[in-house]
Amino acid sequence: MLSMKDCLDYCDLTDEEIELIAEHEEIPDVAAAQLACGLVQTTEGVILLTQYMQELAERAVIRGDCARAEHVMRVWQRFMADHPVSH
């Protein structure tokens, strides 16, 4: 079984990105890392992951949690910079 570090090293994702995916999907971080490792290998998967982050940012804005929205947006922007596709 892969460790969290193995997954992160393999798929080039950050802890923060994995945490957001886990939050969106309501699954443990290790499961989110395994899911993300598969998704990040395809254009469609990268687009789906960016949608997850966008949804989390929108939810934070709706709740009035500006600090959380800003954090999610920073992670989201870094993810898009590291994994460019036509968004």
PDB file of N, CA and C in Angstrom:
ATOM      1  N   MET A   1       0.838  -1.173   0.000  1.00  0.00           N
ATOM      2  CA  MET A   1       0.000   0.000   0.000  1.00  0.00           C
ATOM      3  C   MET A   1       0.888   1.243   0.000  1.00  0.00           C
ATOM      4  N   LEU A   2       0.466   2.243  -0.764  1.00  0.00           N
ATOM      5  CA  LEU A   2       1.224   3.478  -0.852  1.00  0.00           C
ATOM      6  C   LEU A   2       0.959   4.353   0.365  1.00  0.00           C
ATOM      7  N   SER A   3       2.018   5.003   0.815  1.00  0.00           N
ATOM      8  CA  SER A   3       1.847   5.964   1.906  1.00  0.00           C
ATOM      9  C   SER A   3       1.396   7.295   1.309  1.00  0.00           C
ATOM     10  N   MET A   4       0.985   8.204   2.161  1.00  0.00           N
ATOM     11  CA  MET A   4       0.588   9.531   1.708  1.00  0.00           C
ATOM     12  C   MET A   4       1.758  10.212   1.003  1.00  0.00           C
ATOM     13  N   LYS A   5       2.958  10.104   1.544  1.00  0.00           N
ATOM     14  CA  LYS A   5       4.132  10.716   0.934  1.00  0.00           C
ATOM     15  C   LYS A   5       4.391  10.113  -0.434  1.00  0.00           C
ATOM     16  N   ASP A   6       4.248   8.802  -0.574  1.00  0.00           N
ATOM     17  CA  ASP A   6       4.433   8.152  -1.874  1.00  0.00           C
ATOM     18  C   ASP A   6       3.466   8.719  -2.906  1.00  0.00           C
ATOM     19  N   CYS A   7       2.218   8.858  -2.522  1.00  0.00           N
ATOM     20  CA  CYS A   7       1.202   9.394  -3.438  1.00  0.00           C
ATOM     21  C   CYS A   7       1.535  10.828  -3.831  1.00  0.00           C
ATOM     22  N   LEU A   8       1.897  11.645  -2.846  1.00  0.00           N
ATOM     23  CA  LEU A   8       2.212  13.043  -3.135  1.00  0.00           C
ATOM     24  C   LEU A   8       3.427  13.169  -4.039  1.00  0.00           C
ATOM     25  N   ASP A   9       4.446  12.358  -3.785  1.00  0.00           N
ATOM     26  CA  ASP A   9       5.639  12.379  -4.624  1.00  0.00           C
ATOM     27  C   ASP A   9       5.321  11.935  -6.048  1.00  0.00           C
ATOM     28  N   TYR A  10       4.501  10.922  -6.174  1.00  0.00           N
ATOM     29  CA  TYR A  10       4.164  10.362  -7.482  1.00  0.00           C
ATOM     30  C   TYR A  10       3.314  11.315  -8.313  1.00  0.00           C
ATOM     31  N   CYS A  11       2.327  11.932  -7.716  1.00  0.00           N
ATOM     32  CA  CYS A  11       1.367  12.707  -8.497  1.00  0.00           C
ATOM     33  C   CYS A  11       1.637  14.205  -8.477  1.00  0.00           C
ATOM     34  N   ASP A  12       2.654  14.662  -7.774  1.00  0.00           N
ATOM     35  CA  ASP A  12       3.029  16.064  -7.765  1.00  0.00           C
ATOM     36  C   ASP A  12       1.909  16.961  -7.248  1.00  0.00           C
ATOM     37  N   LEU A  13       1.295  16.565  -6.149  1.00  0.00           N
ATOM     38  CA  LEU A  13       0.274  17.374  -5.496  1.00  0.00           C
ATOM     39  C   LEU A  13       0.757  17.779  -4.111  1.00  0.00           C
ATOM     40  N   THR A  14       0.213  18.858  -3.604  1.00  0.00           N
ATOM     41  CA  THR A  14       0.601  19.333  -2.275  1.00  0.00           C
ATOM     42  C   THR A  14      -0.360  18.795  -1.213  1.00  0.00           C
ATOM     43  N   ASP A  15       0.071  18.862   0.024  1.00  0.00           N
ATOM     44  CA  ASP A  15      -0.798  18.480   1.140  1.00  0.00           C
ATOM     45  C   ASP A  15      -2.082  19.298   1.128  1.00  0.00           C
ATOM     46  N   GLU A  16      -1.958  20.591   0.848  1.00  0.00           N
ATOM     47  CA  GLU A  16      -3.134  21.464   0.839  1.00  0.00           C
ATOM     48  C   GLU A  16      -4.126  21.052  -0.249  1.00  0.00           C
ATOM     49  N   GLU A  17      -3.619  20.690  -1.421  1.00  0.00           N
ATOM     50  CA  GLU A  17      -4.503  20.245  -2.506  1.00  0.00           C
ATOM     51  C   GLU A  17      -5.236  18.969  -2.116  1.00  0.00           C
ATOM     52  N   ILE A  18      -4.508  18.052  -1.515  1.00  0.00           N
ATOM     53  CA  ILE A  18      -5.123  16.794  -1.073  1.00  0.00           C
ATOM     54  C   ILE A  18      -6.178  17.064   0.002  1.00  0.00           C
ATOM     55  N   GLU A  19      -5.878  17.957   0.926  1.00  0.00           N
ATOM     56  CA  GLU A  19      -6.849  18.288   1.974  1.00  0.00           C
ATOM     57  C   GLU A  19      -8.145  18.839   1.381  1.00  0.00           C
ATOM     58  N   LEU A  20      -8.030  19.682   0.345  1.00  0.00           N
ATOM     59  CA  LEU A  20      -9.234  20.232  -0.287  1.00  0.00           C
ATOM     60  C   LEU A  20     -10.031  19.143  -1.002  1.00  0.00           C
ATOM     61  N   ILE A  21      -9.340  18.251  -1.669  1.00  0.00           N
ATOM     62  CA  ILE A  21     -10.024  17.148  -2.355  1.00  0.00           C
ATOM     63  C   ILE A  21     -10.726  16.258  -1.331  1.00  0.00           C
ATOM     64  N   ALA A  22     -10.051  15.984  -0.234  1.00  0.00           N
ATOM     65  CA  ALA A  22     -10.654  15.173   0.826  1.00  0.00           C
ATOM     66  C   ALA A  22     -11.889  15.861   1.395  1.00  0.00           C
ATOM     67  N   GLU A  23     -11.796  17.171   1.598  1.00  0.00           N
ATOM     68  CA  GLU A  23     -12.942  17.918   2.118  1.00  0.00           C
ATOM     69  C   GLU A  23     -14.104  17.869   1.128  1.00  0.00           C
ATOM     70  N   HIS A  24     -13.809  18.096  -0.132  1.00  0.00           N
ATOM     71  CA  HIS A  24     -14.874  18.116  -1.149  1.00  0.00           C
ATOM     72  C   HIS A  24     -15.566  16.766  -1.244  1.00  0.00           C
ATOM     73  N   GLU A  25     -14.795  15.714  -1.248  1.00  0.00           N
ATOM     74  CA  GLU A  25     -15.341  14.372  -1.431  1.00  0.00           C
ATOM     75  C   GLU A  25     -15.759  13.716  -0.122  1.00  0.00           C
ATOM     76  N   GLU A  26     -15.442  14.385   0.996  1.00  0.00           N
ATOM     77  CA  GLU A  26     -15.759  13.857   2.326  1.00  0.00           C
ATOM     78  C   GLU A  26     -15.173  12.460   2.537  1.00  0.00           C
ATOM     79  N   ILE A  27     -13.871  12.372   2.241  1.00  0.00           N
ATOM     80  CA  ILE A  27     -13.128  11.120   2.401  1.00  0.00           C
ATOM     81  C   ILE A  27     -11.819  11.419   3.132  1.00  0.00           C
ATOM     82  N   PRO A  28     -11.174  10.397   3.701  1.00  0.00           N
ATOM     83  CA  PRO A  28      -9.889  10.618   4.369  1.00  0.00           C
ATOM     84  C   PRO A  28      -8.818  11.104   3.386  1.00  0.00           C
ATOM     85  N   ASP A  29      -7.815  11.777   3.935  1.00  0.00           N
ATOM     86  CA  ASP A  29      -6.739  12.315   3.101  1.00  0.00           C
ATOM     87  C   ASP A  29      -6.049  11.249   2.252  1.00  0.00           C
ATOM     88  N   VAL A  30      -5.806  10.082   2.825  1.00  0.00           N
ATOM     89  CA  VAL A  30      -5.111   9.023   2.076  1.00  0.00           C
ATOM     90  C   VAL A  30      -5.952   8.594   0.872  1.00  0.00           C
ATOM     91  N   ALA A  31      -7.249   8.451   1.059  1.00  0.00           N
ATOM     92  CA  ALA A  31      -8.133   8.094  -0.055  1.00  0.00           C
ATOM     93  C   ALA A  31      -8.167   9.207  -1.091  1.00  0.00           C
ATOM     94  N   ALA A  32      -8.166  10.457  -0.626  1.00  0.00           N
ATOM     95  CA  ALA A  32      -8.160  11.599  -1.544  1.00  0.00           C
ATOM     96  C   ALA A  32      -6.867  11.629  -2.354  1.00  0.00           C
ATOM     97  N   ALA A  33      -5.749  11.297  -1.720  1.00  0.00           N
ATOM     98  CA  ALA A  33      -4.463  11.266  -2.431  1.00  0.00           C
ATOM     99  C   ALA A  33      -4.483  10.200  -3.523  1.00  0.00           C
ATOM    100  N   GLN A  34      -5.018   9.048  -3.215  1.00  0.00           N
ATOM    101  CA  GLN A  34      -5.091   7.981  -4.208  1.00  0.00           C
ATOM    102  C   GLN A  34      -6.016   8.373  -5.354  1.00  0.00           C
ATOM    103  N   LEU A  35      -7.154   8.974  -5.037  1.00  0.00           N
ATOM    104  CA  LEU A  35      -8.086   9.438  -6.054  1.00  0.00           C
ATOM    105  C   LEU A  35      -7.420  10.490  -6.935  1.00  0.00           C
ATOM    106  N   ALA A  36      -6.795  11.463  -6.301  1.00  0.00           N
ATOM    107  CA  ALA A  36      -6.175  12.566  -7.031  1.00  0.00           C
ATOM    108  C   ALA A  36      -5.023  12.087  -7.915  1.00  0.00           C
ATOM    109  N   CYS A  37      -4.278  11.102  -7.449  1.00  0.00           N
ATOM    110  CA  CYS A  37      -3.172  10.575  -8.255  1.00  0.00           C
ATOM    111  C   CYS A  37      -3.672  10.040  -9.593  1.00  0.00           C
ATOM    112  N   GLY A  38      -4.822   9.417  -9.576  1.00  0.00           N
ATOM    113  CA  GLY A  38      -5.399   8.935 -10.825  1.00  0.00           C
ATOM    114  C   GLY A  38      -5.957  10.066 -11.668  1.00  0.00           C
ATOM    115  N   LEU A  39      -6.667  10.991 -11.035  1.00  0.00           N
ATOM    116  CA  LEU A  39      -7.310  12.069 -11.781  1.00  0.00           C
ATOM    117  C   LEU A  39      -6.314  13.040 -12.405  1.00  0.00           C
ATOM    118  N   VAL A  40      -5.231  13.326 -11.704  1.00  0.00           N
ATOM    119  CA  VAL A  40      -4.289  14.335 -12.174  1.00  0.00           C
ATOM    120  C   VAL A  40      -3.527  13.881 -13.436  1.00  0.00           C
ATOM    121  N   GLN A  41      -3.663  12.630 -13.803  1.00  0.00           N
ATOM    122  CA  GLN A  41      -2.960  12.103 -14.977  1.00  0.00           C
ATOM    123  C   GLN A  41      -3.700  12.357 -16.290  1.00  0.00           C
ATOM    124  N   THR A  42      -4.924  12.871 -16.212  1.00  0.00           N
ATOM    125  CA  THR A  42      -5.680  13.149 -17.434  1.00  0.00           C
ATOM    126  C   THR A  42      -6.185  14.587 -17.413  1.00  0.00           C
ATOM    127  N   THR A  43      -6.399  15.131 -18.594  1.00  0.00           N
ATOM    128  CA  THR A  43      -6.942  16.482 -18.703  1.00  0.00           C
ATOM    129  C   THR A  43      -8.302  16.571 -18.028  1.00  0.00           C
ATOM    130  N   GLU A  44      -9.132  15.576 -18.277  1.00  0.00           N
ATOM    131  CA  GLU A  44     -10.467  15.573 -17.674  1.00  0.00           C
ATOM    132  C   GLU A  44     -10.381  15.534 -16.157  1.00  0.00           C
ATOM    133  N   GLY A  45      -9.446  14.755 -15.640  1.00  0.00           N
ATOM    134  CA  GLY A  45      -9.263  14.661 -14.197  1.00  0.00           C
ATOM    135  C   GLY A  45      -8.784  15.970 -13.596  1.00  0.00           C
ATOM    136  N   VAL A  46      -7.869  16.639 -14.269  1.00  0.00           N
ATOM    137  CA  VAL A  46      -7.378  17.932 -13.789  1.00  0.00           C
ATOM    138  C   VAL A  46      -8.520  18.940 -13.765  1.00  0.00           C
ATOM    139  N   ILE A  47      -9.331  18.935 -14.801  1.00  0.00           N
ATOM    140  CA  ILE A  47     -10.482  19.838 -14.839  1.00  0.00           C
ATOM    141  C   ILE A  47     -11.441  19.525 -13.699  1.00  0.00           C
ATOM    142  N   LEU A  48     -11.685  18.257 -13.429  1.00  0.00           N
ATOM    143  CA  LEU A  48     -12.564  17.870 -12.325  1.00  0.00           C
ATOM    144  C   LEU A  48     -12.008  18.347 -10.987  1.00  0.00           C
ATOM    145  N   LEU A  49     -10.715  18.187 -10.782  1.00  0.00           N
ATOM    146  CA  LEU A  49     -10.103  18.630  -9.529  1.00  0.00           C
ATOM    147  C   LEU A  49     -10.203  20.147  -9.379  1.00  0.00           C
ATOM    148  N   THR A  50     -10.045  20.895 -10.467  1.00  0.00           N
ATOM    149  CA  THR A  50     -10.192  22.344 -10.377  1.00  0.00           C
ATOM    150  C   THR A  50     -11.639  22.710 -10.051  1.00  0.00           C
ATOM    151  N   GLN A  51     -12.580  21.943 -10.567  1.00  0.00           N
ATOM    152  CA  GLN A  51     -13.993  22.187 -10.240  1.00  0.00           C
ATOM    153  C   GLN A  51     -14.260  21.943  -8.750  1.00  0.00           C
ATOM    154  N   TYR A  52     -13.643  20.909  -8.196  1.00  0.00           N
ATOM    155  CA  TYR A  52     -13.794  20.647  -6.761  1.00  0.00           C
ATOM    156  C   TYR A  52     -13.352  21.880  -5.969  1.00  0.00           C
ATOM    157  N   MET A  53     -12.182  22.421  -6.334  1.00  0.00           N
ATOM    158  CA  MET A  53     -11.638  23.557  -5.605  1.00  0.00           C
ATOM    159  C   MET A  53     -12.500  24.799  -5.802  1.00  0.00           C
ATOM    160  N   GLN A  54     -12.991  24.986  -7.013  1.00  0.00           N
ATOM    161  CA  GLN A  54     -13.879  26.113  -7.281  1.00  0.00           C
ATOM    162  C   GLN A  54     -15.139  26.020  -6.420  1.00  0.00           C
ATOM    163  N   GLU A  55     -15.711  24.841  -6.331  1.00  0.00           N
ATOM    164  CA  GLU A  55     -16.910  24.646  -5.521  1.00  0.00           C
ATOM    165  C   GLU A  55     -16.648  24.948  -4.049  1.00  0.00           C
ATOM    166  N   LEU A  56     -15.490  24.513  -3.548  1.00  0.00           N
ATOM    167  CA  LEU A  56     -15.154  24.790  -2.150  1.00  0.00           C
ATOM    168  C   LEU A  56     -15.003  26.289  -1.905  1.00  0.00           C
ATOM    169  N   ALA A  57     -14.384  26.997  -2.850  1.00  0.00           N
ATOM    170  CA  ALA A  57     -14.236  28.450  -2.714  1.00  0.00           C
ATOM    171  C   ALA A  57     -15.603  29.123  -2.721  1.00  0.00           C
ATOM    172  N   GLU A  58     -16.470  28.678  -3.617  1.00  0.00           N
ATOM    173  CA  GLU A  58     -17.817  29.255  -3.697  1.00  0.00           C
ATOM    174  C   GLU A  58     -18.604  29.006  -2.412  1.00  0.00           C
ATOM    175  N   ARG A  59     -18.477  27.818  -1.856  1.00  0.00           N
ATOM    176  CA  ARG A  59     -19.175  27.501  -0.600  1.00  0.00           C
ATOM    177  C   ARG A  59     -18.692  28.407   0.533  1.00  0.00           C
ATOM    178  N   ALA A  60     -17.373  28.642   0.571  1.00  0.00           N
ATOM    179  CA  ALA A  60     -16.819  29.499   1.618  1.00  0.00           C
ATOM    180  C   ALA A  60     -17.340  30.928   1.464  1.00  0.00           C
ATOM    181  N   VAL A  61     -17.428  31.411   0.240  1.00  0.00           N
ATOM    182  CA  VAL A  61     -17.959  32.756  -0.005  1.00  0.00           C
ATOM    183  C   VAL A  61     -19.409  32.835   0.444  1.00  0.00           C
ATOM    184  N   ILE A  62     -20.198  31.827   0.099  1.00  0.00           N
ATOM    185  CA  ILE A  62     -21.613  31.807   0.494  1.00  0.00           C
ATOM    186  C   ILE A  62     -21.757  31.836   2.013  1.00  0.00           C
ATOM    187  N   ARG A  63     -20.864  31.112   2.712  1.00  0.00           N
ATOM    188  CA  ARG A  63     -20.904  31.088   4.188  1.00  0.00           C
ATOM    189  C   ARG A  63     -20.377  32.387   4.797  1.00  0.00           C
ATOM    190  N   GLY A  64     -19.764  33.221   3.964  1.00  0.00           N
ATOM    191  CA  GLY A  64     -19.170  34.454   4.469  1.00  0.00           C
ATOM    192  C   GLY A  64     -17.808  34.247   5.092  1.00  0.00           C
ATOM    193  N   ASP A  65     -17.174  33.115   4.815  1.00  0.00           N
ATOM    194  CA  ASP A  65     -15.856  32.788   5.368  1.00  0.00           C
ATOM    195  C   ASP A  65     -14.782  33.238   4.368  1.00  0.00           C
ATOM    196  N   CYS A  66     -14.494  34.537   4.404  1.00  0.00           N
ATOM    197  CA  CYS A  66     -13.560  35.123   3.433  1.00  0.00           C
ATOM    198  C   CYS A  66     -12.152  34.548   3.544  1.00  0.00           C
ATOM    199  N   ALA A  67     -11.703  34.312   4.761  1.00  0.00           N
ATOM    200  CA  ALA A  67     -10.354  33.771   4.953  1.00  0.00           C
ATOM    201  C   ALA A  67     -10.245  32.384   4.318  1.00  0.00           C
ATOM    202  N   ARG A  68     -11.261  31.562   4.522  1.00  0.00           N
ATOM    203  CA  ARG A  68     -11.253  30.219   3.931  1.00  0.00           C
ATOM    204  C   ARG A  68     -11.327  30.309   2.410  1.00  0.00           C
ATOM    205  N   ALA A  69     -12.169  31.189   1.897  1.00  0.00           N
ATOM    206  CA  ALA A  69     -12.290  31.361   0.449  1.00  0.00           C
ATOM    207  C   ALA A  69     -10.956  31.785  -0.154  1.00  0.00           C
ATOM    208  N   GLU A  70     -10.267  32.711   0.489  1.00  0.00           N
ATOM    209  CA  GLU A  70      -8.958  33.160  -0.013  1.00  0.00           C
ATOM    210  C   GLU A  70      -7.941  32.028   0.001  1.00  0.00           C
ATOM    211  N   HIS A  71      -7.948  31.238   1.074  1.00  0.00           N
ATOM    212  CA  HIS A  71      -7.022  30.100   1.151  1.00  0.00           C
ATOM    213  C   HIS A  71      -7.291  29.108   0.018  1.00  0.00           C
ATOM    214  N   VAL A  72      -8.553  28.745  -0.159  1.00  0.00           N
ATOM    215  CA  VAL A  72      -8.907  27.790  -1.217  1.00  0.00           C
ATOM    216  C   VAL A  72      -8.517  28.350  -2.578  1.00  0.00           C
ATOM    217  N   MET A  73      -8.755  29.621  -2.794  1.00  0.00           N
ATOM    218  CA  MET A  73      -8.427  30.218  -4.083  1.00  0.00           C
ATOM    219  C   MET A  73      -6.919  30.233  -4.337  1.00  0.00           C
ATOM    220  N   ARG A  74      -6.126  30.457  -3.296  1.00  0.00           N
ATOM    221  CA  ARG A  74      -4.660  30.404  -3.453  1.00  0.00           C
ATOM    222  C   ARG A  74      -4.214  28.998  -3.842  1.00  0.00           C
ATOM    223  N   VAL A  75      -4.759  27.997  -3.149  1.00  0.00           N
ATOM    224  CA  VAL A  75      -4.406  26.602  -3.465  1.00  0.00           C
ATOM    225  C   VAL A  75      -4.855  26.267  -4.877  1.00  0.00           C
ATOM    226  N   TRP A  76      -6.053  26.686  -5.241  1.00  0.00           N
ATOM    227  CA  TRP A  76      -6.626  26.448  -6.561  1.00  0.00           C
ATOM    228  C   TRP A  76      -5.758  27.090  -7.649  1.00  0.00           C
ATOM    229  N   GLN A  77      -5.347  28.335  -7.457  1.00  0.00           N
ATOM    230  CA  GLN A  77      -4.507  29.011  -8.449  1.00  0.00           C
ATOM    231  C   GLN A  77      -3.163  28.310  -8.612  1.00  0.00           C
ATOM    232  N   ARG A  78      -2.588  27.878  -7.495  1.00  0.00           N
ATOM    233  CA  ARG A  78      -1.305  27.167  -7.577  1.00  0.00           C
ATOM    234  C   ARG A  78      -1.486  25.833  -8.313  1.00  0.00           C
ATOM    235  N   PHE A  79      -2.598  25.143  -8.026  1.00  0.00           N
ATOM    236  CA  PHE A  79      -2.871  23.887  -8.709  1.00  0.00           C
ATOM    237  C   PHE A  79      -2.979  24.111 -10.221  1.00  0.00           C
ATOM    238  N   MET A  80      -3.705  25.141 -10.618  1.00  0.00           N
ATOM    239  CA  MET A  80      -3.869  25.416 -12.050  1.00  0.00           C
ATOM    240  C   MET A  80      -2.537  25.790 -12.700  1.00  0.00           C
ATOM    241  N   ALA A  81      -1.676  26.501 -11.976  1.00  0.00           N
ATOM    242  CA  ALA A  81      -0.365  26.858 -12.504  1.00  0.00           C
ATOM    243  C   ALA A  81       0.513  25.618 -12.669  1.00  0.00           C
ATOM    244  N   ASP A  82       0.412  24.699 -11.725  1.00  0.00           N
ATOM    245  CA  ASP A  82       1.221  23.477 -11.768  1.00  0.00           C
ATOM    246  C   ASP A  82       0.677  22.444 -12.759  1.00  0.00           C
ATOM    247  N   HIS A  83      -0.615  22.514 -13.056  1.00  0.00           N
ATOM    248  CA  HIS A  83      -1.275  21.525 -13.928  1.00  0.00           C
ATOM    249  C   HIS A  83      -2.100  22.264 -14.984  1.00  0.00           C
ATOM    250  N   PRO A  84      -1.407  22.966 -15.908  1.00  0.00           N
ATOM    251  CA  PRO A  84      -2.143  23.789 -16.870  1.00  0.00           C
ATOM    252  C   PRO A  84      -2.907  22.954 -17.908  1.00  0.00           C
ATOM    253  N   VAL A  85      -4.140  23.345 -18.099  1.00  0.00           N
ATOM    254  CA  VAL A  85      -4.988  22.811 -19.167  1.00  0.00           C
ATOM    255  C   VAL A  85      -5.917  23.940 -19.566  1.00  0.00           C
ATOM    256  N   SER A  86      -6.668  23.756 -20.619  1.00  0.00           N
ATOM    257  CA  SER A  86      -7.659  24.750 -20.997  1.00  0.00           C
ATOM    258  C   SER A  86      -8.810  24.669 -20.028  1.00  0.00           C
ATOM    259  N   HIS A  87      -8.953  25.675 -19.173  1.00  0.00           N
ATOM    260  CA  HIS A  87     -10.019  25.681 -18.171  1.00  0.00           C
ATOM    261  C   HIS A  87     -11.164  26.410 -18.758  1.00  0.00           C
TER     262      HIS A  87
END
